Amino acid sequence: MRLLLLLPFIGLMIVPFYNVHDPVLFGFPFFYWYQLAWVPLTSLLTYIVYRSARHAD
């Protein structure tokens, strides 16, 4: 499950993939909204990994 935390890293490190203008969403070029979309997605992935980890309570 901890490998899920690599997805945002990999998704944002491949800059040529999202270094384009189109498609535009709400006036934002793809370059900007792709990066902004990773913020809540990374939070969700962190929550999933946190909840799946075994805790020593």
C-alpha atoms as a PDB file:
ATOM      1  CA  MET A   1       0.000   0.000   0.000  1.00  0.00           C
ATOM      2  CA  ARG A   2       2.856   2.396   0.688  1.00  0.00           C
ATOM      3  CA  LEU A   3       3.779   2.235  -2.965  1.00  0.00           C
ATOM      4  CA  LEU A   4       0.682   4.354  -3.627  1.00  0.00           C
ATOM      5  CA  LEU A   5       2.655   7.288  -2.254  1.00  0.00           C
ATOM      6  CA  LEU A   6       4.946   7.036  -5.272  1.00  0.00           C
ATOM      7  CA  LEU A   7       2.124   7.901  -7.673  1.00  0.00           C
ATOM      8  CA  PRO A   8       2.159  11.676  -7.021  1.00  0.00           C
ATOM      9  CA  PHE A   9       5.935  11.715  -7.199  1.00  0.00           C
ATOM     10  CA  ILE A  10       6.006   9.896 -10.519  1.00  0.00           C
ATOM     11  CA  GLY A  11       3.019  11.782 -11.898  1.00  0.00           C
ATOM     12  CA  LEU A  12       4.627  15.143 -11.256  1.00  0.00           C
ATOM     13  CA  MET A  13       8.189  14.238 -12.190  1.00  0.00           C
ATOM     14  CA  ILE A  14       7.332  13.451 -15.815  1.00  0.00           C
ATOM     15  CA  VAL A  15       7.032  17.090 -16.854  1.00  0.00           C
ATOM     16  CA  PRO A  16       6.931  16.520 -20.648  1.00  0.00           C
ATOM     17  CA  PHE A  17       3.680  14.606 -20.120  1.00  0.00           C
ATOM     18  CA  TYR A  18       1.787  17.633 -18.814  1.00  0.00           C
ATOM     19  CA  ASN A  19       3.782  20.504 -20.317  1.00  0.00           C
ATOM     20  CA  VAL A  20       0.978  21.405 -22.737  1.00  0.00           C
ATOM     21  CA  HIS A  21      -1.671  24.092 -22.916  1.00  0.00           C
ATOM     22  CA  ASP A  22      -4.719  22.084 -23.993  1.00  0.00           C
ATOM     23  CA  PRO A  23      -7.143  20.956 -22.625  1.00  0.00           C
ATOM     24  CA  VAL A  24      -8.222  24.048 -20.743  1.00  0.00           C
ATOM     25  CA  LEU A  25     -10.378  23.642 -17.622  1.00  0.00           C
ATOM     26  CA  PHE A  26     -12.155  26.728 -16.218  1.00  0.00           C
ATOM     27  CA  GLY A  27      -9.642  28.916 -18.052  1.00  0.00           C
ATOM     28  CA  PHE A  28      -6.606  27.129 -16.586  1.00  0.00           C
ATOM     29  CA  PRO A  29      -4.211  25.432 -18.987  1.00  0.00           C
ATOM     30  CA  PHE A  30      -3.576  21.731 -18.496  1.00  0.00           C
ATOM     31  CA  PHE A  31      -0.132  22.461 -17.044  1.00  0.00           C
ATOM     32  CA  TYR A  32      -1.664  24.223 -14.028  1.00  0.00           C
ATOM     33  CA  TRP A  33      -4.806  22.225 -13.332  1.00  0.00           C
ATOM     34  CA  TYR A  34      -2.964  18.915 -13.639  1.00  0.00           C
ATOM     35  CA  GLN A  35      -0.611  19.954 -10.841  1.00  0.00           C
ATOM     36  CA  LEU A  36      -3.452  21.362  -8.748  1.00  0.00           C
ATOM     37  CA  ALA A  37      -5.434  18.145  -9.187  1.00  0.00           C
ATOM     38  CA  TRP A  38      -2.632  16.238  -7.478  1.00  0.00           C
ATOM     39  CA  VAL A  39      -3.104  18.166  -4.221  1.00  0.00           C
ATOM     40  CA  PRO A  40      -6.422  16.548  -3.171  1.00  0.00           C
ATOM     41  CA  LEU A  41      -5.454  13.293  -4.868  1.00  0.00           C
ATOM     42  CA  THR A  42      -2.253  13.112  -2.830  1.00  0.00           C
ATOM     43  CA  SER A  43      -4.230  13.815   0.332  1.00  0.00           C
ATOM     44  CA  LEU A  44      -6.622  11.002  -0.518  1.00  0.00           C
ATOM     45  CA  LEU A  45      -3.773   8.580  -1.216  1.00  0.00           C
ATOM     46  CA  THR A  46      -2.060   9.543   2.041  1.00  0.00           C
ATOM     47  CA  TYR A  47      -5.294   8.917   3.940  1.00  0.00           C
ATOM     48  CA  ILE A  48      -5.740   5.511   2.288  1.00  0.00           C
ATOM     49  CA  VAL A  49      -2.188   4.474   3.127  1.00  0.00           C
ATOM     50  CA  TYR A  50      -2.538   5.777   6.689  1.00  0.00           C
ATOM     51  CA  ARG A  51      -5.780   3.868   7.284  1.00  0.00           C
ATOM     52  CA  SER A  52      -4.360   0.661   5.820  1.00  0.00           C
ATOM     53  CA  ALA A  53      -1.195   0.734   7.935  1.00  0.00           C
ATOM     54  CA  ARG A  54      -1.158  -1.351  11.059  1.00  0.00           C
ATOM     55  CA  HIS A  55      -0.873   0.716  14.180  1.00  0.00           C
ATOM     56  CA  ALA A  56       0.685  -0.427  17.433  1.00  0.00           C
ATOM     57  CA  ASP A  57      -1.970   0.851  19.835  1.00  0.00           C
END
